[in-house]
Amino acid sequence: MGGDDAPGVVLAGLELAAERHPGAKFLLIGDTAKLEPLLEQHPRARAACILRHTPDAIPGEMKPTLALRMRGASMRMAIDAVAAGEVAGVVSAGNTGALMALAKIVLKTLPEIDRPALAAVTPSGRGDVIMLDLGANVQCDSRNLVEFAIMGDAMARAVLGLPSPTIGLLNVGSEELKGDDRVRQAAEVLKAHPSLNFHGFVEGHDITRGTVDVIITDGFTGNIALKTGEGALKLMRDLLRQVFTSSILARIGYLLARPALDRLREWMDPRRYNGAILLGLNGVVVKSHGGTDAMGFAHAVDVAMDMVTHGFTARIREGLASINTRELAGDPS
């Protein structure tokens, strides 16, 4: 029931998801008086969905502290279903703060994980790149950064299908002496990790260059970097539109370049990258952008399916088991 155009967009997205994943079943939680008439327009989703009624939904502007009290809300009931083992994961386009708070309280973090992280896939010149944390943790220590690397590695294997993803730690320079103590301590632990392909420090331009497959940073820096990148892509689209509509010759040039521009538009389509993942919990939690359309929501479902079918949570446990607790705290002694 969450999102700018819910529940219509959600059900249209599930129609696409049901076509892509014919064996999947979806527990759809919300106001059945609103859901049932819409489902009649989407036969694949209708066949794949089990309905559970609740009239309550968490508003988009509600503070997380208040959302925690709404035990009968659709978002809370969905997360409860994950905790009970009734479903394998949850996808929501609703209130981000409420989803993060509820997921952490109800599902709890995995053993040895200090804090969950928000991760997403972004485009680069070499292919898709995973970046975390994107805002769940404004302040992080070296332990958190190492945990993020392990979770990012597991996500890259599950979502991107990479057998040995390269990992970079975002810093103000690539030299080993750059950065503060927490970043350098995290780098020392990651270098010694037996199963991680640690590249070393990377800089801001390496994100779009695709120097590594996974970018690790704190939530403050990651959130700014992500939104700066989104703004740059929007600026590029706006400038291209201005250039190709500035004159008759420019319009003719657009017609000639249209096939290439269509490929560029497809590559930059934000719907392809919809579906941020809250990593480090006892369950799969995917946050869809509230303003996405059916195709974007279907992609968020795709992400959740990938995480479940590739045993994402088990991969994180395996990665953590190979690191000493002292090392995670930044004490290699």
Protein backbone atom coordinates (compact mmCIF):
# COMPACT_ATOMS: atom_id res chain seq x y z
CA MET A 1 0.00 0.00 0.00
CA GLY A 2 3.06 2.27 0.01
CA GLY A 3 4.35 4.49 -2.78
CA ASP A 4 3.17 7.47 -4.78
CA ASP A 5 0.71 5.53 -6.96
CA ALA A 6 -0.02 2.51 -4.78
CA PRO A 7 -1.56 0.05 -4.95
CA GLY A 8 -2.03 0.27 -8.74
CA VAL A 9 1.67 0.45 -9.60
CA VAL A 10 2.51 -2.38 -7.21
CA LEU A 11 -0.05 -4.72 -8.78
CA ALA A 12 1.02 -3.79 -12.32
CA GLY A 13 4.60 -4.51 -11.27
CA LEU A 14 3.59 -7.88 -9.84
CA GLU A 15 1.94 -8.71 -13.16
CA LEU A 16 5.34 -8.31 -14.84
CA ALA A 17 7.14 -10.12 -12.00
CA ALA A 18 4.74 -13.07 -12.19
CA GLU A 19 5.51 -13.40 -15.90
CA ARG A 20 9.27 -13.37 -15.24
CA HIS A 21 9.05 -15.78 -12.30
CA PRO A 22 6.23 -18.21 -13.14
CA GLY A 23 6.84 -20.37 -10.08
CA ALA A 24 6.78 -17.55 -7.54
CA LYS A 25 3.98 -16.85 -5.07
CA PHE A 26 3.37 -13.44 -3.49
CA LEU A 27 1.71 -12.64 -0.19
CA LEU A 28 -0.06 -9.34 -0.85
CA ILE A 29 -0.93 -7.47 2.34
CA GLY A 30 -3.28 -4.49 2.33
CA ASP A 31 -6.86 -3.32 1.99
CA THR A 32 -8.56 -6.10 0.01
CA ALA A 33 -11.44 -3.80 -0.95
CA LYS A 34 -8.91 -1.80 -2.98
CA LEU A 35 -6.72 -4.70 -4.08
CA GLU A 36 -9.26 -7.20 -5.41
CA PRO A 37 -10.80 -5.00 -8.15
CA LEU A 38 -7.33 -4.04 -9.38
CA LEU A 39 -6.15 -7.64 -9.42
CA GLU A 40 -8.95 -8.50 -11.85
CA GLN A 41 -7.03 -6.39 -14.39
CA HIS A 42 -3.85 -8.42 -13.85
CA PRO A 43 -4.58 -12.15 -14.30
CA ARG A 44 -0.99 -13.37 -13.78
CA ALA A 45 -0.66 -11.44 -10.53
CA ARG A 46 -4.11 -12.63 -9.46
CA ALA A 47 -3.06 -16.26 -9.91
CA ALA A 48 0.27 -15.76 -8.10
CA CYS A 49 -1.01 -13.69 -5.14
CA ILE A 50 -2.42 -14.67 -1.79
CA LEU A 51 -4.31 -11.77 -0.17
CA ARG A 52 -4.19 -10.82 3.49
CA HIS A 53 -6.41 -7.98 4.63
CA THR A 54 -5.55 -5.02 6.79
CA PRO A 55 -7.07 -1.55 6.53
CA ASP A 56 -4.01 0.11 8.05
CA ALA A 57 -1.00 1.47 6.16
CA ILE A 58 1.96 3.58 7.33
CA PRO A 59 1.84 7.05 5.72
CA GLY A 60 4.89 8.18 3.78
CA GLU A 61 5.53 11.13 6.10
CA MET A 62 5.16 9.24 9.40
CA LYS A 63 8.17 9.19 11.73
CA PRO A 64 9.71 5.74 12.34
CA THR A 65 9.06 5.99 16.09
CA LEU A 66 5.33 6.26 15.43
CA ALA A 67 5.39 3.59 12.73
CA LEU A 68 6.80 1.09 15.24
CA ARG A 69 3.51 1.29 17.16
CA MET A 70 1.34 0.33 14.17
CA ARG A 71 1.41 -3.44 14.58
CA GLY A 72 -1.54 -3.92 12.22
CA ALA A 73 -0.06 -1.90 9.35
CA SER A 74 0.59 -3.68 6.03
CA MET A 75 4.34 -3.00 6.19
CA ARG A 76 4.62 -4.39 9.73
CA MET A 77 2.59 -7.48 8.84
CA ALA A 78 4.81 -8.10 5.80
CA ILE A 79 7.98 -7.95 7.89
CA ASP A 80 6.36 -10.14 10.55
CA ALA A 81 5.72 -12.73 7.81
CA VAL A 82 9.44 -12.77 6.99
CA ALA A 83 10.35 -13.16 10.67
CA ALA A 84 7.91 -16.07 10.98
CA GLY A 85 9.43 -17.83 7.97
CA GLU A 86 6.15 -17.62 6.10
CA VAL A 87 7.77 -15.71 3.22
CA ALA A 88 11.36 -15.45 2.02
CA GLY A 89 11.56 -11.66 1.72
CA VAL A 90 9.68 -8.38 1.58
CA VAL A 91 9.49 -5.67 -1.10
CA SER A 92 8.00 -2.29 -0.23
CA ALA A 93 7.68 1.09 -1.92
CA GLY A 94 6.55 2.72 1.32
CA ASN A 95 8.12 4.89 4.01
CA THR A 96 11.90 4.25 3.92
CA GLY A 97 12.60 5.23 7.53
CA ALA A 98 9.74 3.08 8.80
CA LEU A 99 10.85 0.09 6.72
CA MET A 100 14.41 0.32 8.04
CA ALA A 101 13.30 0.73 11.65
CA LEU A 102 10.74 -2.07 11.52
CA ALA A 103 13.09 -4.46 9.72
CA LYS A 104 15.86 -3.90 12.25
CA ILE A 105 13.55 -4.29 15.27
CA VAL A 106 11.56 -7.27 14.00
CA LEU A 107 14.12 -9.23 11.96
CA LYS A 108 17.21 -8.17 13.90
CA THR A 109 20.73 -8.23 12.51
CA LEU A 110 22.73 -11.33 11.71
CA PRO A 111 25.21 -12.54 14.35
CA GLU A 112 28.45 -10.52 14.21
CA ILE A 113 26.75 -7.73 12.20
CA ASP A 114 26.82 -4.49 14.15
CA ARG A 115 24.64 -2.43 11.81
CA PRO A 116 22.62 -3.15 8.66
CA ALA A 117 23.51 -1.19 5.52
CA LEU A 118 21.53 0.14 2.57
CA ALA A 119 22.92 -0.96 -0.79
CA ALA A 120 21.96 -0.43 -4.43
CA VAL A 121 23.16 -1.13 -7.96
CA THR A 122 24.34 1.86 -10.01
CA PRO A 123 25.59 2.15 -13.62
CA SER A 124 29.21 2.62 -14.60
CA GLY A 125 31.25 2.70 -17.79
CA ARG A 126 32.27 -0.95 -17.29
CA GLY A 127 28.96 -2.39 -16.10
CA ASP A 128 26.83 -2.38 -12.97
CA VAL A 129 28.40 -1.47 -9.63
CA ILE A 130 27.12 -2.10 -6.09
CA MET A 131 27.52 0.70 -3.57
CA LEU A 132 26.96 0.73 0.20
CA ASP A 133 26.20 2.22 2.66
CA LEU A 134 23.78 4.73 1.12
CA GLY A 135 22.42 6.39 4.23
CA ALA A 136 21.49 3.85 6.89
CA ASN A 137 24.62 4.70 8.95
CA VAL A 138 25.88 8.27 8.87
CA GLN A 139 28.85 7.46 11.11
CA CYS A 140 30.82 4.21 10.75
CA ASP A 141 33.92 2.67 12.30
CA SER A 142 36.37 0.24 10.73
CA ARG A 143 34.31 -2.76 11.89
CA ASN A 144 31.25 -1.45 10.04
CA LEU A 145 33.23 -0.90 6.84
CA VAL A 146 34.58 -4.47 6.91
CA GLU A 147 31.06 -5.82 7.49
CA PHE A 148 29.81 -3.74 4.55
CA ALA A 149 32.52 -5.26 2.34
CA ILE A 150 31.47 -8.80 3.24
CA MET A 151 27.81 -8.00 2.60
CA GLY A 152 28.65 -6.20 -0.65
CA ASP A 153 30.64 -9.19 -1.85
CA ALA A 154 27.69 -11.52 -1.16
CA MET A 155 25.30 -9.15 -2.94
CA ALA A 156 27.53 -8.88 -6.02
CA ARG A 157 27.68 -12.66 -6.29
CA ALA A 158 23.89 -12.98 -5.90
CA VAL A 159 22.61 -10.00 -7.93
CA LEU A 160 25.38 -9.44 -10.49
CA GLY A 161 26.39 -13.09 -10.80
CA LEU A 162 30.10 -12.35 -10.30
CA PRO A 163 32.23 -15.28 -9.04
CA SER A 164 34.93 -13.02 -7.51
CA PRO A 165 33.80 -9.36 -7.35
CA THR A 166 36.45 -6.71 -6.79
CA ILE A 167 35.96 -4.45 -3.77
CA GLY A 168 37.12 -0.87 -3.30
CA LEU A 169 37.10 1.33 -0.22
CA LEU A 170 36.09 4.90 -1.08
CA ASN A 171 38.74 7.38 0.03
CA VAL A 172 40.20 10.80 -0.75
CA GLY A 173 43.04 9.15 -2.67
CA SER A 174 44.26 5.75 -3.80
CA GLU A 175 47.54 5.87 -1.85
CA GLU A 176 47.77 3.63 1.23
CA LEU A 177 48.50 6.53 3.59
CA LYS A 178 45.41 8.53 2.57
CA GLY A 179 42.28 8.77 4.73
CA ASP A 180 41.60 8.58 8.44
CA ASP A 181 42.41 5.77 10.88
CA ARG A 182 39.10 3.91 10.47
CA VAL A 183 39.48 3.65 6.69
CA ARG A 184 43.11 2.51 6.91
CA GLN A 185 42.29 -0.04 9.63
CA ALA A 186 39.45 -1.45 7.54
CA ALA A 187 41.77 -1.72 4.54
CA GLU A 188 44.32 -3.75 6.55
CA VAL A 189 41.64 -6.24 7.62
CA LEU A 190 40.22 -6.51 4.09
CA LYS A 191 43.67 -7.15 2.61
CA ALA A 192 44.06 -10.18 4.88
CA HIS A 193 40.57 -11.59 4.26
CA PRO A 194 40.97 -14.96 2.48
CA SER A 195 37.83 -14.86 0.34
CA LEU A 196 37.51 -11.16 -0.60
CA ASN A 197 39.05 -9.73 -3.77
CA PHE A 198 40.09 -6.39 -2.24
CA HIS A 199 41.34 -3.86 -4.79
CA GLY A 200 42.30 -1.13 -2.31
CA PHE A 201 41.30 2.51 -2.05
CA VAL A 202 39.25 4.12 -4.82
CA GLU A 203 38.20 7.71 -5.44
CA GLY A 204 34.93 9.33 -6.48
CA HIS A 205 35.61 9.12 -10.21
CA ASP A 206 36.15 5.36 -9.89
CA ILE A 207 32.43 4.89 -9.18
CA THR A 208 31.34 5.84 -12.70
CA ARG A 209 34.52 4.46 -14.26
CA GLY A 210 33.72 1.00 -12.94
CA THR A 211 37.16 0.44 -11.45
CA VAL A 212 35.72 -2.09 -9.00
CA ASP A 213 32.47 -4.05 -8.69
CA VAL A 214 31.66 -3.02 -5.11
CA ILE A 215 32.20 0.42 -3.53
CA ILE A 216 32.33 0.57 0.28
CA THR A 217 31.83 3.78 2.26
CA ASP A 218 29.95 5.25 5.22
CA GLY A 219 26.31 6.27 4.84
CA PHE A 220 26.98 10.02 4.89
CA THR A 221 29.45 9.91 2.00
CA GLY A 222 27.55 7.22 0.12
CA ASN A 223 24.25 9.08 0.18
CA ILE A 224 25.86 12.27 -1.12
CA ALA A 225 27.76 10.39 -3.83
CA LEU A 226 24.61 8.55 -4.98
CA LYS A 227 22.47 11.69 -5.19
CA THR A 228 25.27 13.60 -6.92
CA GLY A 229 25.43 10.84 -9.53
CA GLU A 230 21.65 10.88 -9.97
CA GLY A 231 21.77 14.65 -10.43
CA ALA A 232 24.56 14.37 -13.01
CA LEU A 233 22.56 11.84 -15.05
CA LYS A 234 19.49 14.09 -14.96
CA LEU A 235 21.61 17.08 -16.03
CA MET A 236 23.00 15.10 -18.95
CA ARG A 237 19.51 14.10 -20.09
CA ASP A 238 18.28 17.71 -19.82
CA LEU A 239 21.27 19.07 -21.75
CA LEU A 240 20.82 16.51 -24.52
CA ARG A 241 17.16 17.47 -24.78
CA GLN A 242 18.08 21.16 -25.04
CA VAL A 243 20.76 20.51 -27.65
CA PHE A 244 18.56 18.39 -29.90
CA THR A 245 15.62 20.82 -29.79
CA SER A 246 17.60 24.03 -30.29
CA SER A 247 17.24 24.22 -34.10
CA ILE A 248 15.98 22.46 -37.22
CA LEU A 249 19.47 21.08 -37.93
CA ALA A 250 19.67 19.81 -34.36
CA ARG A 251 16.34 18.00 -34.78
CA ILE A 252 17.62 16.38 -37.96
CA GLY A 253 20.76 15.36 -36.09
CA TYR A 254 18.58 13.81 -33.40
CA LEU A 255 16.75 11.68 -36.00
CA LEU A 256 20.08 10.42 -37.33
CA ALA A 257 21.42 9.70 -33.83
CA ARG A 258 18.17 8.31 -32.45
CA PRO A 259 19.12 4.58 -32.43
CA ALA A 260 22.26 5.33 -30.40
CA LEU A 261 20.38 7.73 -28.12
CA ASP A 262 17.70 5.10 -27.49
CA ARG A 263 20.42 2.69 -26.34
CA LEU A 264 21.84 5.41 -24.09
CA ARG A 265 18.39 6.12 -22.64
CA GLU A 266 17.89 2.44 -21.90
CA TRP A 267 21.29 2.22 -20.21
CA MET A 268 20.51 5.25 -18.01
CA ASP A 269 16.92 4.23 -17.23
CA PRO A 270 16.58 4.53 -13.42
CA ARG A 271 13.97 1.78 -13.40
CA ARG A 272 16.73 -0.73 -14.18
CA TYR A 273 18.38 0.15 -10.88
CA ASN A 274 15.30 0.29 -8.68
CA GLY A 275 15.46 -1.80 -5.53
CA ALA A 276 17.78 -0.83 -2.67
CA ILE A 277 18.55 -3.67 -0.27
CA LEU A 278 18.82 -3.51 3.50
CA LEU A 279 21.75 -5.84 4.15
CA GLY A 280 22.75 -7.63 7.34
CA LEU A 281 19.32 -8.70 8.58
CA ASN A 282 17.79 -12.11 9.23
CA GLY A 283 15.77 -11.88 6.05
CA VAL A 284 15.62 -10.22 2.64
CA VAL A 285 14.30 -6.63 2.65
CA VAL A 286 14.14 -4.61 -0.59
CA LYS A 287 13.09 -0.97 -0.77
CA SER A 288 11.52 0.17 -4.04
CA HIS A 289 11.54 3.86 -4.92
CA GLY A 290 8.16 5.33 -4.02
CA GLY A 291 7.85 7.15 -7.33
CA THR A 292 8.68 4.23 -9.63
CA ASP A 293 6.36 2.71 -12.23
CA ALA A 294 5.37 -0.92 -12.84
CA MET A 295 8.62 -1.81 -14.59
CA GLY A 296 10.67 -0.34 -11.76
CA PHE A 297 8.70 -2.19 -9.09
CA ALA A 298 9.07 -5.43 -11.03
CA HIS A 299 12.82 -4.90 -11.02
CA ALA A 300 12.76 -4.52 -7.22
CA VAL A 301 11.00 -7.89 -7.08
CA ASP A 302 13.70 -9.32 -9.38
CA VAL A 303 16.35 -8.15 -6.92
CA ALA A 304 14.56 -9.83 -4.00
CA MET A 305 14.23 -13.06 -5.98
CA ASP A 306 17.96 -13.02 -6.77
CA MET A 307 18.83 -12.54 -3.11
CA VAL A 308 16.64 -15.44 -2.05
CA THR A 309 17.56 -17.96 -4.75
CA HIS A 310 21.31 -17.37 -4.33
CA GLY A 311 21.32 -17.89 -0.56
CA PHE A 312 22.45 -14.37 0.16
CA THR A 313 22.13 -14.56 3.95
CA ALA A 314 24.15 -17.79 4.13
CA ARG A 315 26.94 -16.17 2.07
CA ILE A 316 27.21 -13.33 4.59
CA ARG A 317 27.44 -15.80 7.48
CA GLU A 318 30.24 -17.66 5.72
CA GLY A 319 32.16 -14.44 5.10
CA LEU A 320 31.86 -13.33 8.71
CA ALA A 321 32.94 -16.71 10.02
CA SER A 322 36.37 -16.28 8.40
CA ILE A 323 37.11 -12.99 10.18
CA ASN A 324 38.24 -12.79 13.78
CA THR A 325 36.11 -10.59 16.07
CA ARG A 326 39.15 -8.54 17.03
CA GLU A 327 39.96 -7.92 13.38
CA LEU A 328 36.43 -6.65 12.80
CA ALA A 329 36.91 -4.19 15.63
CA GLY A 330 40.01 -2.87 13.94
CA ASP A 331 42.45 -4.64 16.28
CA PRO A 332 44.56 -7.11 14.23
CA SER A 333 46.55 -8.23 17.29
